[in-house]
Amino acid sequence: MPTAEILTVALKPGSDIGDPNNEAAQVLKEVTDELNHTPGVQRIDFGMQVESPNVFQFIVTWDKIDSHKAFMATEAYKPFLQRFLTITGGPPTMIHADIEPAGEVMKAFNAPVTEFATFYFGAEPPEGYLAGVHKFRESADQARVDGLHASAIGLTYEDIEREGVKGKGAVLVVGYDSVEAHMAFRELDVFKQGAPALRAGVQKAEVHHVELLKVAAT
């Protein structure tokens, strides 16, 4: 089952990942080139958060979490990581989740804007949480909401923490035409009727949007 590695970090001032002459873009090219030759890597996506333009989002889709763990155990990993950290402006956070359905994840990442919502339960999620969210997802699909491309969700492998709430979490990814399309979706009855399933047991939440760039794995 594919596993998404989701890394979030502020980049140092002056970083511009869209300028090939900028140090940040050059380092990212080196990093993605190496990842493209790493066993288990299926896809690489990255971009800056819309709400926090200095915050970088890096998503690597692995065939399974064990492949990422195997890479982290190699001699090549430490210099790889150190090279990446030369463009960061603070410590990164990294989580892993098997986000499903896999085909919908790719559609969400391919959309002009991708919403990333992280939910913090403070313990384990309620029984049937994912089933409830998938029912909500299916309702939205059937409603053929304008500007909504696809959605998918998965539970984190790690315990995650926000404002004192620590435990398992869930990561929801949703592809939209624009941030405005997301805001419009929130006003529809299909969202208002389904949102309680999404919020069940959630103590804290964090939501942002990213315009992702794609790096094809070779």
C-alpha atoms as a PDB file:
ATOM      1  CA  MET A   1       0.000   0.000   0.000  1.00  0.00           C
ATOM      2  CA  PRO A   2       1.519   3.392  -0.968  1.00  0.00           C
ATOM      3  CA  THR A   3       2.647   5.564   1.923  1.00  0.00           C
ATOM      4  CA  ALA A   4       2.835   9.350   1.792  1.00  0.00           C
ATOM      5  CA  GLU A   5       5.787  10.945   3.561  1.00  0.00           C
ATOM      6  CA  ILE A   6       4.717  14.530   4.319  1.00  0.00           C
ATOM      7  CA  LEU A   7       7.470  16.915   5.366  1.00  0.00           C
ATOM      8  CA  THR A   8       6.800  20.511   6.382  1.00  0.00           C
ATOM      9  CA  VAL A   9       9.474  23.126   7.051  1.00  0.00           C
ATOM     10  CA  ALA A  10      10.110  26.856   6.774  1.00  0.00           C
ATOM     11  CA  LEU A  11      12.726  27.771   4.177  1.00  0.00           C
ATOM     12  CA  LYS A  12      15.414  30.309   4.919  1.00  0.00           C
ATOM     13  CA  PRO A  13      14.815  33.920   3.777  1.00  0.00           C
ATOM     14  CA  GLY A  14      15.455  34.546   0.101  1.00  0.00           C
ATOM     15  CA  SER A  15      14.465  31.033  -0.979  1.00  0.00           C
ATOM     16  CA  ASP A  16      12.583  30.817  -4.266  1.00  0.00           C
ATOM     17  CA  ILE A  17      11.854  27.270  -5.419  1.00  0.00           C
ATOM     18  CA  GLY A  18      10.515  28.575  -8.723  1.00  0.00           C
ATOM     19  CA  ASP A  19      13.781  30.249  -9.763  1.00  0.00           C
ATOM     20  CA  PRO A  20      16.257  27.702 -11.160  1.00  0.00           C
ATOM     21  CA  ASN A  21      19.130  30.041 -10.271  1.00  0.00           C
ATOM     22  CA  ASN A  22      18.091  30.232  -6.629  1.00  0.00           C
ATOM     23  CA  GLU A  23      19.938  28.061  -4.104  1.00  0.00           C
ATOM     24  CA  ALA A  24      16.705  26.520  -2.821  1.00  0.00           C
ATOM     25  CA  ALA A  25      15.664  25.388  -6.297  1.00  0.00           C
ATOM     26  CA  GLN A  26      19.135  23.988  -6.984  1.00  0.00           C
ATOM     27  CA  VAL A  27      19.226  22.026  -3.739  1.00  0.00           C
ATOM     28  CA  LEU A  28      15.725  20.684  -4.367  1.00  0.00           C
ATOM     29  CA  LYS A  29      16.789  19.488  -7.792  1.00  0.00           C
ATOM     30  CA  GLU A  30      19.702  17.592  -6.234  1.00  0.00           C
ATOM     31  CA  VAL A  31      17.430  16.117  -3.569  1.00  0.00           C
ATOM     32  CA  THR A  32      14.709  15.047  -6.000  1.00  0.00           C
ATOM     33  CA  ASP A  33      17.252  13.639  -8.448  1.00  0.00           C
ATOM     34  CA  GLU A  34      18.600  11.397  -5.706  1.00  0.00           C
ATOM     35  CA  LEU A  35      15.144  10.370  -4.550  1.00  0.00           C
ATOM     36  CA  ASN A  36      14.209   9.480  -8.111  1.00  0.00           C
ATOM     37  CA  HIS A  37      16.912   6.796  -7.987  1.00  0.00           C
ATOM     38  CA  THR A  38      15.849   5.498  -4.580  1.00  0.00           C
ATOM     39  CA  PRO A  39      14.030   2.149  -4.479  1.00  0.00           C
ATOM     40  CA  GLY A  40      10.372   2.489  -3.552  1.00  0.00           C
ATOM     41  CA  VAL A  41       9.837   6.113  -4.591  1.00  0.00           C
ATOM     42  CA  GLN A  42       6.732   6.412  -6.768  1.00  0.00           C
ATOM     43  CA  ARG A  43       6.135  10.142  -6.901  1.00  0.00           C
ATOM     44  CA  ILE A  44       7.418  13.475  -5.579  1.00  0.00           C
ATOM     45  CA  ASP A  45       5.305  16.610  -5.095  1.00  0.00           C
ATOM     46  CA  PHE A  46       6.240  19.880  -3.437  1.00  0.00           C
ATOM     47  CA  GLY A  47       5.219  23.504  -3.110  1.00  0.00           C
ATOM     48  CA  MET A  48       4.837  26.460  -0.790  1.00  0.00           C
ATOM     49  CA  GLN A  49       1.824  26.876   1.470  1.00  0.00           C
ATOM     50  CA  VAL A  50      -0.620  29.485   0.209  1.00  0.00           C
ATOM     51  CA  GLU A  51      -1.338  30.805   3.708  1.00  0.00           C
ATOM     52  CA  SER A  52       2.331  30.799   4.788  1.00  0.00           C
ATOM     53  CA  PRO A  53       4.453  31.442   1.674  1.00  0.00           C
ATOM     54  CA  ASN A  54       7.721  30.728   3.505  1.00  0.00           C
ATOM     55  CA  VAL A  55       6.600  27.236   4.545  1.00  0.00           C
ATOM     56  CA  PHE A  56       7.582  24.395   2.232  1.00  0.00           C
ATOM     57  CA  GLN A  57       5.595  21.176   1.803  1.00  0.00           C
ATOM     58  CA  PHE A  58       7.408  18.101   0.471  1.00  0.00           C
ATOM     59  CA  ILE A  59       5.493  14.911  -0.258  1.00  0.00           C
ATOM     60  CA  VAL A  60       7.162  11.677  -1.307  1.00  0.00           C
ATOM     61  CA  THR A  61       4.917   8.757  -2.223  1.00  0.00           C
ATOM     62  CA  TRP A  62       6.628   5.468  -1.367  1.00  0.00           C
ATOM     63  CA  ASP A  63       5.438   2.000  -2.304  1.00  0.00           C
ATOM     64  CA  LYS A  64       5.416   1.255   1.444  1.00  0.00           C
ATOM     65  CA  ILE A  65       6.755   2.851   4.614  1.00  0.00           C
ATOM     66  CA  ASP A  66       9.466   0.183   4.925  1.00  0.00           C
ATOM     67  CA  SER A  67      11.112   1.541   1.759  1.00  0.00           C
ATOM     68  CA  HIS A  68      11.515   4.956   3.363  1.00  0.00           C
ATOM     69  CA  LYS A  69      12.864   3.383   6.540  1.00  0.00           C
ATOM     70  CA  ALA A  70      15.353   1.395   4.451  1.00  0.00           C
ATOM     71  CA  PHE A  71      16.559   4.592   2.746  1.00  0.00           C
ATOM     72  CA  MET A  72      16.946   6.333   6.107  1.00  0.00           C
ATOM     73  CA  ALA A  73      19.167   3.454   7.252  1.00  0.00           C
ATOM     74  CA  THR A  74      21.621   3.809   4.338  1.00  0.00           C
ATOM     75  CA  GLU A  75      24.958   5.636   4.440  1.00  0.00           C
ATOM     76  CA  ALA A  76      23.680   7.989   1.751  1.00  0.00           C
ATOM     77  CA  TYR A  77      20.843   9.327   3.898  1.00  0.00           C
ATOM     78  CA  LYS A  78      22.783  11.540   6.316  1.00  0.00           C
ATOM     79  CA  PRO A  79      24.561  13.640   3.635  1.00  0.00           C
ATOM     80  CA  PHE A  80      21.292  13.730   1.669  1.00  0.00           C
ATOM     81  CA  LEU A  81      19.483  15.134   4.700  1.00  0.00           C
ATOM     82  CA  GLN A  82      22.259  17.581   5.550  1.00  0.00           C
ATOM     83  CA  ARG A  83      22.186  18.953   2.005  1.00  0.00           C
ATOM     84  CA  PHE A  84      18.441  19.504   2.212  1.00  0.00           C
ATOM     85  CA  LEU A  85      18.712  21.206   5.610  1.00  0.00           C
ATOM     86  CA  THR A  86      21.024  23.891   4.140  1.00  0.00           C
ATOM     87  CA  ILE A  87      17.951  25.662   2.721  1.00  0.00           C
ATOM     88  CA  THR A  88      15.673  25.319   5.747  1.00  0.00           C
ATOM     89  CA  GLY A  89      14.932  28.000   8.293  1.00  0.00           C
ATOM     90  CA  GLY A  90      13.941  25.717  11.166  1.00  0.00           C
ATOM     91  CA  PRO A  91      13.434  22.090  12.150  1.00  0.00           C
ATOM     92  CA  PRO A  92      11.200  20.063   9.806  1.00  0.00           C
ATOM     93  CA  THR A  93       8.256  17.925  10.840  1.00  0.00           C
ATOM     94  CA  MET A  94       7.610  14.638   9.083  1.00  0.00           C
ATOM     95  CA  ILE A  95       4.671  12.265   9.218  1.00  0.00           C
ATOM     96  CA  HIS A  96       3.634   9.177   7.270  1.00  0.00           C
ATOM     97  CA  ALA A  97       0.148   8.036   6.325  1.00  0.00           C
ATOM     98  CA  ASP A  98      -1.418   5.495   3.979  1.00  0.00           C
ATOM     99  CA  ILE A  99      -3.862   7.889   2.337  1.00  0.00           C
ATOM    100  CA  GLU A 100      -6.700   6.199   0.459  1.00  0.00           C
ATOM    101  CA  PRO A 101      -8.065   5.700  -2.127  1.00  0.00           C
ATOM    102  CA  ALA A 102      -4.659   5.864  -3.796  1.00  0.00           C
ATOM    103  CA  GLY A 103      -6.080   6.915  -7.162  1.00  0.00           C
ATOM    104  CA  GLU A 104      -7.935   9.810  -5.548  1.00  0.00           C
ATOM    105  CA  VAL A 105      -4.736  10.950  -3.807  1.00  0.00           C
ATOM    106  CA  MET A 106      -3.058  11.384  -7.170  1.00  0.00           C
ATOM    107  CA  LYS A 107      -6.035  13.366  -8.498  1.00  0.00           C
ATOM    108  CA  ALA A 108      -5.928  15.597  -5.421  1.00  0.00           C
ATOM    109  CA  PHE A 109      -2.191  16.201  -5.877  1.00  0.00           C
ATOM    110  CA  ASN A 110      -2.693  16.951  -9.583  1.00  0.00           C
ATOM    111  CA  ALA A 111      -5.327  19.625  -8.901  1.00  0.00           C
ATOM    112  CA  PRO A 112      -4.402  23.325  -9.144  1.00  0.00           C
ATOM    113  CA  VAL A 113      -4.666  23.624  -5.352  1.00  0.00           C
ATOM    114  CA  THR A 114      -4.461  20.868  -2.734  1.00  0.00           C
ATOM    115  CA  GLU A 115      -5.923  21.198   0.740  1.00  0.00           C
ATOM    116  CA  PHE A 116      -3.997  19.463   3.529  1.00  0.00           C
ATOM    117  CA  ALA A 117      -6.013  19.037   6.710  1.00  0.00           C
ATOM    118  CA  THR A 118      -4.459  17.364   9.743  1.00  0.00           C
ATOM    119  CA  PHE A 119      -6.725  16.204  12.568  1.00  0.00           C
ATOM    120  CA  TYR A 120      -5.472  15.536  16.086  1.00  0.00           C
ATOM    121  CA  PHE A 121      -7.423  13.092  18.235  1.00  0.00           C
ATOM    122  CA  GLY A 122      -5.291  13.107  21.378  1.00  0.00           C
ATOM    123  CA  ALA A 123      -5.490   9.288  21.414  1.00  0.00           C
ATOM    124  CA  GLU A 124      -6.827   6.766  18.926  1.00  0.00           C
ATOM    125  CA  PRO A 125      -9.492   7.902  16.432  1.00  0.00           C
ATOM    126  CA  PRO A 126     -13.091   6.858  17.145  1.00  0.00           C
ATOM    127  CA  GLU A 127     -14.137   3.441  15.909  1.00  0.00           C
ATOM    128  CA  GLY A 128     -15.369   3.681  12.337  1.00  0.00           C
ATOM    129  CA  TYR A 129     -13.830   7.103  11.776  1.00  0.00           C
ATOM    130  CA  LEU A 130     -12.383   6.362   8.352  1.00  0.00           C
ATOM    131  CA  ALA A 131     -15.582   4.629   7.214  1.00  0.00           C
ATOM    132  CA  GLY A 132     -17.565   7.735   8.153  1.00  0.00           C
ATOM    133  CA  VAL A 133     -15.202  10.043   6.298  1.00  0.00           C
ATOM    134  CA  HIS A 134     -15.253   7.866   3.194  1.00  0.00           C
ATOM    135  CA  LYS A 135     -19.069   8.003   3.227  1.00  0.00           C
ATOM    136  CA  PHE A 136     -18.806  11.804   3.322  1.00  0.00           C
ATOM    137  CA  ARG A 137     -16.301  11.705   0.456  1.00  0.00           C
ATOM    138  CA  GLU A 138     -18.630   9.566  -1.630  1.00  0.00           C
ATOM    139  CA  SER A 139     -21.522  11.964  -1.012  1.00  0.00           C
ATOM    140  CA  ALA A 140     -19.411  14.862  -2.240  1.00  0.00           C
ATOM    141  CA  ASP A 141     -18.425  12.884  -5.340  1.00  0.00           C
ATOM    142  CA  GLN A 142     -22.034  12.068  -6.113  1.00  0.00           C
ATOM    143  CA  ALA A 143     -23.000  15.736  -5.708  1.00  0.00           C
ATOM    144  CA  ARG A 144     -20.513  16.674  -8.454  1.00  0.00           C
ATOM    145  CA  VAL A 145     -19.374  19.773  -6.577  1.00  0.00           C
ATOM    146  CA  ASP A 146     -17.994  22.494  -8.834  1.00  0.00           C
ATOM    147  CA  GLY A 147     -14.254  22.910  -8.437  1.00  0.00           C
ATOM    148  CA  LEU A 148     -13.770  19.744  -6.357  1.00  0.00           C
ATOM    149  CA  HIS A 149     -11.393  17.239  -7.970  1.00  0.00           C
ATOM    150  CA  ALA A 150     -10.857  14.421  -5.466  1.00  0.00           C
ATOM    151  CA  SER A 151     -10.284  13.629  -1.798  1.00  0.00           C
ATOM    152  CA  ALA A 152      -8.589  10.947   0.281  1.00  0.00           C
ATOM    153  CA  ILE A 153      -7.708  10.335   3.913  1.00  0.00           C
ATOM    154  CA  GLY A 154      -5.430   8.184   6.069  1.00  0.00           C
ATOM    155  CA  LEU A 155      -4.288   7.757   9.652  1.00  0.00           C
ATOM    156  CA  THR A 156      -0.781   8.688  10.698  1.00  0.00           C
ATOM    157  CA  TYR A 157       1.763   6.047  11.601  1.00  0.00           C
ATOM    158  CA  GLU A 158       3.231   8.387  14.194  1.00  0.00           C
ATOM    159  CA  ASP A 159       1.728  10.075  17.210  1.00  0.00           C
ATOM    160  CA  ILE A 160       1.456  13.765  16.374  1.00  0.00           C
ATOM    161  CA  GLU A 161       1.026  16.772  18.641  1.00  0.00           C
ATOM    162  CA  ARG A 162      -0.553  20.206  18.426  1.00  0.00           C
ATOM    163  CA  GLU A 163      -1.099  22.613  21.306  1.00  0.00           C
ATOM    164  CA  GLY A 164      -0.788  19.872  23.915  1.00  0.00           C
ATOM    165  CA  VAL A 165      -2.998  17.362  22.078  1.00  0.00           C
ATOM    166  CA  LYS A 166      -0.915  14.281  21.306  1.00  0.00           C
ATOM    167  CA  GLY A 167      -1.871  10.968  19.750  1.00  0.00           C
ATOM    168  CA  LYS A 168      -2.771   9.458  16.419  1.00  0.00           C
ATOM    169  CA  GLY A 169      -3.924  11.790  13.704  1.00  0.00           C
ATOM    170  CA  ALA A 170      -5.552  11.778  10.309  1.00  0.00           C
ATOM    171  CA  VAL A 171      -4.465  13.520   7.116  1.00  0.00           C
ATOM    172  CA  LEU A 172      -7.075  14.590   4.577  1.00  0.00           C
ATOM    173  CA  VAL A 173      -6.036  15.767   1.112  1.00  0.00           C
ATOM    174  CA  VAL A 174      -8.509  17.414  -1.243  1.00  0.00           C
ATOM    175  CA  GLY A 175      -7.910  18.810  -4.713  1.00  0.00           C
ATOM    176  CA  TYR A 176      -9.699  21.978  -5.836  1.00  0.00           C
ATOM    177  CA  ASP A 177      -9.684  24.424  -8.713  1.00  0.00           C
ATOM    178  CA  SER A 178      -8.778  27.143  -6.206  1.00  0.00           C
ATOM    179  CA  VAL A 179      -8.865  28.099  -2.531  1.00  0.00           C
ATOM    180  CA  GLU A 180     -12.096  29.945  -3.336  1.00  0.00           C
ATOM    181  CA  ALA A 181     -13.615  26.688  -4.585  1.00  0.00           C
ATOM    182  CA  HIS A 182     -12.841  25.139  -1.189  1.00  0.00           C
ATOM    183  CA  MET A 183     -14.513  28.017   0.641  1.00  0.00           C
ATOM    184  CA  ALA A 184     -17.583  27.691  -1.610  1.00  0.00           C
ATOM    185  CA  PHE A 185     -17.769  23.941  -0.915  1.00  0.00           C
ATOM    186  CA  ARG A 186     -17.952  24.630   2.818  1.00  0.00           C
ATOM    187  CA  GLU A 187     -21.199  26.543   2.277  1.00  0.00           C
ATOM    188  CA  LEU A 188     -22.989  23.645   0.572  1.00  0.00           C
ATOM    189  CA  ASP A 189     -25.432  21.312   2.307  1.00  0.00           C
ATOM    190  CA  VAL A 190     -23.375  18.251   1.316  1.00  0.00           C
ATOM    191  CA  PHE A 191     -20.457  19.649   3.332  1.00  0.00           C
ATOM    192  CA  LYS A 192     -22.552  20.699   6.328  1.00  0.00           C
ATOM    193  CA  GLN A 193     -24.207  17.282   6.469  1.00  0.00           C
ATOM    194  CA  GLY A 194     -20.947  15.359   6.141  1.00  0.00           C
ATOM    195  CA  ALA A 195     -18.582  17.495   8.207  1.00  0.00           C
ATOM    196  CA  PRO A 196     -19.579  15.935  11.574  1.00  0.00           C
ATOM    197  CA  ALA A 197     -18.063  12.629  10.401  1.00  0.00           C
ATOM    198  CA  LEU A 198     -14.842  14.443   9.570  1.00  0.00           C
ATOM    199  CA  ARG A 199     -14.723  16.165  12.967  1.00  0.00           C
ATOM    200  CA  ALA A 200     -15.692  13.147  15.103  1.00  0.00           C
ATOM    201  CA  GLY A 201     -13.306  12.858  18.035  1.00  0.00           C
ATOM    202  CA  VAL A 202     -11.066  15.632  16.709  1.00  0.00           C
ATOM    203  CA  GLN A 203      -9.594  17.907  19.377  1.00  0.00           C
ATOM    204  CA  LYS A 204      -7.401  20.086  17.177  1.00  0.00           C
ATOM    205  CA  ALA A 205      -7.129  20.663  13.450  1.00  0.00           C
ATOM    206  CA  GLU A 206      -4.801  22.461  11.046  1.00  0.00           C
ATOM    207  CA  VAL A 207      -5.704  23.286   7.447  1.00  0.00           C
ATOM    208  CA  HIS A 208      -3.695  24.876   4.647  1.00  0.00           C
ATOM    209  CA  HIS A 209      -3.430  24.820   0.856  1.00  0.00           C
ATOM    210  CA  VAL A 210      -0.504  24.143  -1.472  1.00  0.00           C
ATOM    211  CA  GLU A 211      -0.029  24.627  -5.208  1.00  0.00           C
ATOM    212  CA  LEU A 212       1.978  21.482  -5.801  1.00  0.00           C
ATOM    213  CA  LEU A 213       4.694  20.983  -8.363  1.00  0.00           C
ATOM    214  CA  LYS A 214       5.201  17.448  -9.645  1.00  0.00           C
ATOM    215  CA  VAL A 215       8.468  15.582 -10.116  1.00  0.00           C
ATOM    216  CA  ALA A 216       8.000  12.334 -12.010  1.00  0.00           C
ATOM    217  CA  ALA A 217       9.833   9.363 -10.532  1.00  0.00           C
ATOM    218  CA  THR A 218      12.151   7.524 -12.915  1.00  0.00           C
END
